[in-house]
Amino acid sequence: MTTDVSKDINKNVNGSLITGVLLAVLGIIAIAAPNFTTLFAETWIAVILIFAGFTKLVYATQTRERGGFLWKLLLSGLYIATGIMLFVYPYTGVLTLTLLLGTFLVTEGTFELILAFQLRPQENWTWVLVDGIITLVLGAMIWFQWPFNAPWVIGTLVGISIIFTGISRVMLALNARSPLNPPDQTASAA
């Protein structure tokens, strides 16, 4: 029974290790083509908004007897119009998304710092701390250099954040493999 638990733990550790490496590689790709990555992200968000808008429109027509049909219709129109505007005016969309990205990175960095201090008893917890600090600094850089950085910043900064997230996950996965951190034996008692 203990070997089954060890196999499950090793499978989870290997999955975490592969995920971390994959994130680091994707981050490098995003940095290598920042303008493309920025435009891709903006277009992808436009597609999501348009799809969500049509989904809300279908829902509004299916539930029109339940009340609030006009509000559901207006909300679906807002989603569709916003998505279309991102397609028609991609640079304006990039400017807006750049500010949203700055806000996201500041928030993510804050949450990573909180997570790091919760992981403090573990070995290599400082990698999550470094990830949080870097992500927080990247968010602040966006705010201070906007709008001049908008064409390339989304691709570059998201790439950097993804690289450090991948590295921190790889280090935590390696920590779990360490002989100094044996698997929790309480699971085998169950």
Protein backbone atom coordinates (compact mmCIF):
# COMPACT_ATOMS: atom_id res chain seq x y z
CA MET A 1 0.00 0.00 0.00
CA THR A 2 2.90 2.33 0.71
CA THR A 3 4.27 1.80 -2.80
CA ASP A 4 0.92 2.87 -4.28
CA VAL A 5 1.07 6.10 -2.27
CA SER A 6 4.67 6.66 -3.36
CA LYS A 7 3.73 6.10 -7.00
CA ASP A 8 0.86 8.61 -6.72
CA ILE A 9 3.16 11.16 -5.08
CA ASN A 10 5.84 10.62 -7.74
CA LYS A 11 3.22 11.00 -10.48
CA ASN A 12 2.05 14.31 -8.95
CA VAL A 13 5.64 15.52 -8.55
CA ASN A 14 6.48 14.58 -12.14
CA GLY A 15 3.33 16.37 -13.35
CA SER A 16 4.31 19.47 -11.40
CA LEU A 17 7.83 19.32 -12.77
CA ILE A 18 6.60 18.99 -16.37
CA THR A 19 4.11 21.83 -15.85
CA GLY A 20 6.86 24.08 -14.49
CA VAL A 21 9.18 23.35 -17.42
CA LEU A 22 6.34 23.88 -19.90
CA LEU A 23 5.48 27.24 -18.30
CA ALA A 24 9.12 28.36 -18.52
CA VAL A 25 9.30 27.40 -22.22
CA LEU A 26 6.03 29.20 -23.00
CA GLY A 27 7.37 32.27 -21.21
CA ILE A 28 10.48 32.27 -23.40
CA ILE A 29 8.33 32.04 -26.53
CA ALA A 30 6.18 34.97 -25.35
CA ILE A 31 9.29 37.12 -24.76
CA ALA A 32 10.79 36.19 -28.15
CA ALA A 33 7.76 37.62 -30.01
CA PRO A 34 6.30 40.33 -27.73
CA ASN A 35 4.34 42.30 -30.33
CA PHE A 36 2.77 39.12 -31.69
CA THR A 37 2.00 37.89 -28.18
CA THR A 38 0.38 41.22 -27.31
CA LEU A 39 -1.79 41.21 -30.43
CA PHE A 40 -2.63 37.53 -29.93
CA ALA A 41 -3.76 38.17 -26.35
CA GLU A 42 -5.88 41.14 -27.43
CA THR A 43 -7.50 39.16 -30.24
CA TRP A 44 -8.11 36.16 -27.99
CA ILE A 45 -9.90 38.33 -25.45
CA ALA A 46 -12.02 39.79 -28.26
CA VAL A 47 -13.04 36.30 -29.38
CA ILE A 48 -13.90 35.28 -25.82
CA LEU A 49 -16.06 38.39 -25.33
CA ILE A 50 -17.92 37.88 -28.61
CA PHE A 51 -18.52 34.20 -27.87
CA ALA A 52 -19.69 35.01 -24.32
CA GLY A 53 -21.98 37.71 -25.72
CA PHE A 54 -23.68 35.32 -28.13
CA THR A 55 -23.97 32.73 -25.37
CA LYS A 56 -25.68 35.33 -23.17
CA LEU A 57 -27.96 36.24 -26.08
CA VAL A 58 -29.05 32.62 -26.48
CA TYR A 59 -29.61 32.39 -22.72
CA ALA A 60 -31.63 35.62 -22.77
CA THR A 61 -33.96 34.32 -25.49
CA GLN A 62 -34.35 30.93 -23.78
CA THR A 63 -35.27 32.51 -20.45
CA ARG A 64 -37.25 35.55 -21.62
CA GLU A 65 -40.36 34.39 -19.69
CA ARG A 66 -38.46 34.46 -16.38
CA GLY A 67 -37.99 38.21 -16.39
CA GLY A 68 -35.08 40.54 -16.95
CA PHE A 69 -35.04 39.87 -20.69
CA LEU A 70 -34.12 43.47 -21.58
CA TRP A 71 -31.20 43.50 -19.12
CA LYS A 72 -29.94 40.14 -20.36
CA LEU A 73 -30.21 41.42 -23.92
CA LEU A 74 -28.32 44.62 -23.08
CA LEU A 75 -25.60 42.66 -21.28
CA SER A 76 -25.12 40.34 -24.24
CA GLY A 77 -24.95 43.37 -26.53
CA LEU A 78 -22.26 44.90 -24.29
CA TYR A 79 -20.14 41.76 -24.51
CA ILE A 80 -20.53 41.52 -28.30
CA ALA A 81 -19.88 45.24 -28.86
CA THR A 82 -16.78 45.20 -26.64
CA GLY A 83 -15.40 42.19 -28.49
CA ILE A 84 -16.06 43.78 -31.87
CA MET A 85 -14.44 47.04 -30.74
CA LEU A 86 -11.32 45.10 -29.75
CA PHE A 87 -11.20 43.69 -33.29
CA VAL A 88 -11.86 47.01 -35.03
CA TYR A 89 -9.58 49.12 -32.79
CA PRO A 90 -6.83 46.75 -31.69
CA TYR A 91 -4.42 49.48 -30.52
CA THR A 92 -7.02 51.00 -28.19
CA GLY A 93 -7.73 47.50 -26.94
CA VAL A 94 -4.03 46.94 -26.31
CA LEU A 95 -3.84 50.21 -24.32
CA THR A 96 -6.79 49.15 -22.17
CA LEU A 97 -5.53 45.62 -21.73
CA THR A 98 -2.11 46.93 -20.74
CA LEU A 99 -3.63 48.79 -17.82
CA LEU A 100 -5.66 45.72 -16.89
CA LEU A 101 -2.51 43.60 -17.06
CA GLY A 102 -0.73 45.99 -14.71
CA THR A 103 -3.57 45.64 -12.23
CA PHE A 104 -3.57 41.86 -12.64
CA LEU A 105 0.19 41.55 -12.07
CA VAL A 106 0.10 43.75 -8.96
CA THR A 107 -2.72 41.59 -7.59
CA GLU A 108 -1.00 38.32 -8.57
CA GLY A 109 2.27 39.49 -7.03
CA THR A 110 0.49 40.29 -3.78
CA PHE A 111 -1.16 36.86 -3.69
CA GLU A 112 2.16 35.14 -4.49
CA LEU A 113 3.78 36.98 -1.55
CA ILE A 114 1.00 35.77 0.75
CA LEU A 115 1.42 32.22 -0.61
CA ALA A 116 5.19 32.39 -0.11
CA PHE A 117 4.83 33.20 3.57
CA GLN A 118 2.31 30.38 3.97
CA LEU A 119 4.83 27.99 2.37
CA ARG A 120 7.62 29.31 4.57
CA PRO A 121 8.15 26.07 6.53
CA GLN A 122 9.00 24.29 3.25
CA GLU A 123 12.42 24.24 1.68
CA ASN A 124 12.72 26.46 -1.44
CA TRP A 125 9.77 28.68 -0.40
CA THR A 126 11.91 31.68 -1.33
CA TRP A 127 11.39 30.88 -5.02
CA VAL A 128 7.70 31.67 -4.62
CA LEU A 129 8.69 34.82 -2.70
CA VAL A 130 10.97 35.92 -5.56
CA ASP A 131 8.16 35.14 -8.04
CA GLY A 132 5.80 37.39 -6.08
CA ILE A 133 8.28 40.25 -5.82
CA ILE A 134 9.14 40.14 -9.52
CA THR A 135 5.48 39.97 -10.54
CA LEU A 136 4.67 42.93 -8.28
CA VAL A 137 7.54 44.96 -9.78
CA LEU A 138 6.42 44.09 -13.33
CA GLY A 139 2.91 45.36 -12.58
CA ALA A 140 4.31 48.63 -11.23
CA MET A 141 6.52 49.01 -14.33
CA ILE A 142 3.44 48.83 -16.54
CA TRP A 143 1.69 51.60 -14.65
CA PHE A 144 4.71 53.93 -14.69
CA GLN A 145 5.53 53.53 -18.41
CA TRP A 146 2.02 53.42 -19.89
CA PRO A 147 1.02 54.12 -22.78
CA PHE A 148 4.43 54.02 -24.47
CA ASN A 149 5.02 50.40 -23.55
CA ALA A 150 1.62 49.07 -24.66
CA PRO A 151 2.61 47.46 -28.02
CA TRP A 152 5.20 45.11 -26.53
CA VAL A 153 4.67 45.04 -22.79
CA ILE A 154 1.91 42.46 -22.55
CA GLY A 155 3.92 39.81 -24.37
CA THR A 156 7.19 40.59 -22.63
CA LEU A 157 5.94 40.94 -19.08
CA VAL A 158 3.55 38.02 -19.21
CA GLY A 159 6.43 35.96 -20.60
CA ILE A 160 8.69 36.96 -17.72
CA SER A 161 5.99 36.22 -15.17
CA ILE A 162 5.31 32.82 -16.74
CA ILE A 163 9.03 31.96 -16.72
CA PHE A 164 9.38 32.73 -13.02
CA THR A 165 6.14 30.92 -12.19
CA GLY A 166 7.50 27.89 -14.05
CA ILE A 167 10.85 28.08 -12.26
CA SER A 168 9.18 28.37 -8.86
CA ARG A 169 6.99 25.33 -9.62
CA VAL A 170 10.01 23.33 -10.80
CA MET A 171 11.85 24.17 -7.57
CA LEU A 172 8.86 23.15 -5.43
CA ALA A 173 8.56 19.88 -7.38
CA LEU A 174 12.27 19.20 -6.86
CA ASN A 175 11.78 19.98 -3.18
CA ALA A 176 9.13 17.24 -3.01
CA ARG A 177 11.59 14.77 -4.58
CA SER A 178 14.27 15.59 -2.03
CA PRO A 179 15.19 12.77 0.37
CA LEU A 180 15.02 15.37 3.14
CA ASN A 181 11.25 15.64 2.52
CA PRO A 182 9.86 12.09 2.63
CA PRO A 183 6.26 11.54 1.50
CA ASP A 184 3.55 11.98 4.11
CA GLN A 185 2.92 8.51 5.55
CA THR A 186 -0.47 9.45 7.01
CA ALA A 187 -2.05 8.82 3.59
CA SER A 188 -0.93 5.15 3.71
CA ALA A 189 -2.67 4.62 7.04
CA ALA A 190 -6.06 5.48 5.53
